[in-house]
Amino acid sequence: MIVCICHGINEKAIHQAVADGACTMSDLACMTGVATCCGKCADCACNVLNEALGETYAQAA
């Protein structure tokens, strides 16, 4: 699913950014550009970020 239309960022890109070390919205914005244009995707991006972080922590346990 596309999360950020402005930059063409999808869920997979956010999950990859988390795998590469992103753990905050600021990290995510720097690594992908998500939520840096119009900002309408920020809530969705945050939800996907939290989902990806939850999966990462679950795998580590």
N, C-alpha and C. Protein backbone atom coordinates (compact mmCIF):
# COMPACT_ATOMS: atom_id res chain seq x y z
N MET A 1 0.85 -1.18 0.00
CA MET A 1 0.00 0.00 0.00
C MET A 1 0.89 1.24 0.00
N ILE A 2 0.54 2.20 -0.81
CA ILE A 2 1.26 3.48 -0.84
C ILE A 2 0.89 4.26 0.43
N VAL A 3 1.89 4.75 1.12
CA VAL A 3 1.68 5.54 2.34
C VAL A 3 1.83 7.03 2.02
N CYS A 4 2.86 7.38 1.28
CA CYS A 4 3.14 8.78 0.94
C CYS A 4 3.07 8.94 -0.57
N ILE A 5 2.02 9.60 -1.04
CA ILE A 5 1.85 9.81 -2.47
C ILE A 5 2.89 10.80 -3.01
N CYS A 6 3.22 11.80 -2.23
CA CYS A 6 4.16 12.83 -2.69
C CYS A 6 5.52 12.24 -3.07
N HIS A 7 5.98 11.26 -2.29
CA HIS A 7 7.30 10.67 -2.53
C HIS A 7 7.24 9.22 -2.98
N GLY A 8 6.03 8.68 -3.14
CA GLY A 8 5.88 7.31 -3.61
C GLY A 8 6.41 6.27 -2.63
N ILE A 9 6.24 6.53 -1.34
CA ILE A 9 6.74 5.62 -0.30
C ILE A 9 5.64 4.63 0.05
N ASN A 10 6.00 3.34 0.03
CA ASN A 10 5.03 2.31 0.39
C ASN A 10 5.40 1.66 1.72
N GLU A 11 4.53 0.76 2.18
CA GLU A 11 4.76 0.08 3.46
C GLU A 11 6.08 -0.68 3.46
N LYS A 12 6.40 -1.30 2.36
CA LYS A 12 7.64 -2.08 2.27
C LYS A 12 8.86 -1.19 2.52
N ALA A 13 8.85 0.02 1.99
CA ALA A 13 9.96 0.95 2.18
C ALA A 13 10.10 1.34 3.65
N ILE A 14 8.97 1.48 4.34
CA ILE A 14 9.01 1.82 5.77
C ILE A 14 9.54 0.65 6.57
N HIS A 15 9.09 -0.55 6.25
CA HIS A 15 9.61 -1.75 6.94
C HIS A 15 11.11 -1.89 6.69
N GLN A 16 11.56 -1.59 5.48
CA GLN A 16 12.98 -1.67 5.18
C GLN A 16 13.77 -0.62 5.96
N ALA A 17 13.21 0.58 6.08
CA ALA A 17 13.88 1.63 6.86
C ALA A 17 14.02 1.20 8.31
N VAL A 18 13.00 0.55 8.87
CA VAL A 18 13.09 0.05 10.24
C VAL A 18 14.18 -1.02 10.33
N ALA A 19 14.23 -1.90 9.35
CA ALA A 19 15.28 -2.93 9.33
C ALA A 19 16.66 -2.29 9.24
N ASP A 20 16.73 -1.11 8.62
CA ASP A 20 18.00 -0.39 8.49
C ASP A 20 18.30 0.52 9.68
N GLY A 21 17.40 0.52 10.69
CA GLY A 21 17.68 1.25 11.92
C GLY A 21 16.74 2.37 12.29
N ALA A 22 15.77 2.70 11.46
CA ALA A 22 14.82 3.77 11.81
C ALA A 22 13.97 3.33 12.99
N CYS A 23 13.82 4.21 13.97
CA CYS A 23 12.96 3.88 15.12
C CYS A 23 12.10 5.06 15.54
N THR A 24 12.20 6.18 14.85
CA THR A 24 11.35 7.34 15.13
C THR A 24 10.84 7.90 13.79
N MET A 25 9.82 8.74 13.87
CA MET A 25 9.33 9.39 12.66
C MET A 25 10.41 10.28 12.05
N SER A 26 11.22 10.89 12.88
CA SER A 26 12.31 11.71 12.36
C SER A 26 13.29 10.87 11.56
N ASP A 27 13.65 9.70 12.09
CA ASP A 27 14.52 8.77 11.36
C ASP A 27 13.88 8.40 10.03
N LEU A 28 12.61 8.07 10.10
CA LEU A 28 11.88 7.63 8.91
C LEU A 28 11.84 8.74 7.86
N ALA A 29 11.58 9.96 8.29
CA ALA A 29 11.55 11.09 7.36
C ALA A 29 12.91 11.31 6.70
N CYS A 30 13.97 11.21 7.48
CA CYS A 30 15.31 11.39 6.93
C CYS A 30 15.68 10.29 5.95
N MET A 31 15.28 9.06 6.26
CA MET A 31 15.67 7.92 5.43
C MET A 31 14.81 7.75 4.18
N THR A 32 13.53 8.14 4.25
CA THR A 32 12.63 7.89 3.13
C THR A 32 12.01 9.14 2.53
N GLY A 33 11.93 10.21 3.30
CA GLY A 33 11.26 11.43 2.83
C GLY A 33 9.78 11.45 3.18
N VAL A 34 9.28 10.39 3.81
CA VAL A 34 7.87 10.31 4.15
C VAL A 34 7.48 11.45 5.09
N ALA A 35 6.32 12.03 4.88
CA ALA A 35 5.76 13.09 5.71
C ALA A 35 6.57 14.39 5.69
N THR A 36 7.33 14.61 4.62
CA THR A 36 8.13 15.83 4.54
C THR A 36 7.60 16.83 3.51
N CYS A 37 6.52 16.48 2.84
CA CYS A 37 5.97 17.38 1.82
C CYS A 37 4.67 17.99 2.34
N CYS A 38 3.56 17.34 2.10
CA CYS A 38 2.27 17.90 2.54
C CYS A 38 1.90 17.45 3.95
N GLY A 39 2.45 16.32 4.39
CA GLY A 39 2.22 15.84 5.76
C GLY A 39 0.95 15.03 5.96
N LYS A 40 0.14 14.87 4.92
CA LYS A 40 -1.12 14.13 5.08
C LYS A 40 -0.90 12.66 5.40
N CYS A 41 0.27 12.14 5.11
CA CYS A 41 0.55 10.73 5.35
C CYS A 41 1.15 10.45 6.72
N ALA A 42 1.39 11.47 7.51
CA ALA A 42 2.11 11.31 8.78
C ALA A 42 1.44 10.29 9.70
N ASP A 43 0.13 10.34 9.86
CA ASP A 43 -0.55 9.40 10.75
C ASP A 43 -0.42 7.97 10.26
N CYS A 44 -0.62 7.77 8.98
CA CYS A 44 -0.51 6.43 8.41
C CYS A 44 0.94 5.94 8.51
N ALA A 45 1.88 6.80 8.21
CA ALA A 45 3.29 6.43 8.29
C ALA A 45 3.67 6.05 9.72
N CYS A 46 3.16 6.78 10.68
CA CYS A 46 3.42 6.48 12.08
C CYS A 46 2.85 5.11 12.46
N ASN A 47 1.66 4.81 11.97
CA ASN A 47 1.05 3.51 12.24
C ASN A 47 1.88 2.38 11.64
N VAL A 48 2.35 2.57 10.42
CA VAL A 48 3.16 1.54 9.77
C VAL A 48 4.51 1.42 10.48
N LEU A 49 5.08 2.53 10.89
CA LEU A 49 6.33 2.51 11.65
C LEU A 49 6.16 1.71 12.93
N ASN A 50 5.10 1.98 13.68
CA ASN A 50 4.86 1.25 14.93
C ASN A 50 4.64 -0.24 14.67
N GLU A 51 3.93 -0.56 13.60
CA GLU A 51 3.73 -1.96 13.22
C GLU A 51 5.07 -2.64 12.93
N ALA A 52 5.90 -1.97 12.16
CA ALA A 52 7.20 -2.53 11.79
C ALA A 52 8.10 -2.67 13.02
N LEU A 53 8.06 -1.69 13.90
CA LEU A 53 8.87 -1.78 15.13
C LEU A 53 8.39 -2.92 16.00
N GLY A 54 7.07 -3.11 16.09
CA GLY A 54 6.52 -4.21 16.87
C GLY A 54 6.98 -5.55 16.33
N GLU A 55 6.99 -5.70 15.02
CA GLU A 55 7.45 -6.94 14.40
C GLU A 55 8.93 -7.16 14.65
N THR A 56 9.71 -6.07 14.60
CA THR A 56 11.15 -6.17 14.84
C THR A 56 11.43 -6.60 16.27
N TYR A 57 10.74 -6.01 17.23
CA TYR A 57 10.95 -6.36 18.63
C TYR A 57 10.45 -7.77 18.92
N ALA A 58 9.39 -8.20 18.26
CA ALA A 58 8.85 -9.54 18.46
C ALA A 58 9.86 -10.59 17.94
N GLN A 59 10.52 -10.28 16.84
CA GLN A 59 11.51 -11.20 16.29
C GLN A 59 12.74 -11.28 17.17
N ALA A 60 13.08 -10.19 17.84
CA ALA A 60 14.26 -10.16 18.70
C ALA A 60 14.03 -10.92 20.00
N ALA A 61 12.79 -11.07 20.41
CA ALA A 61 12.50 -11.72 21.69
C ALA A 61 12.54 -13.22 21.61
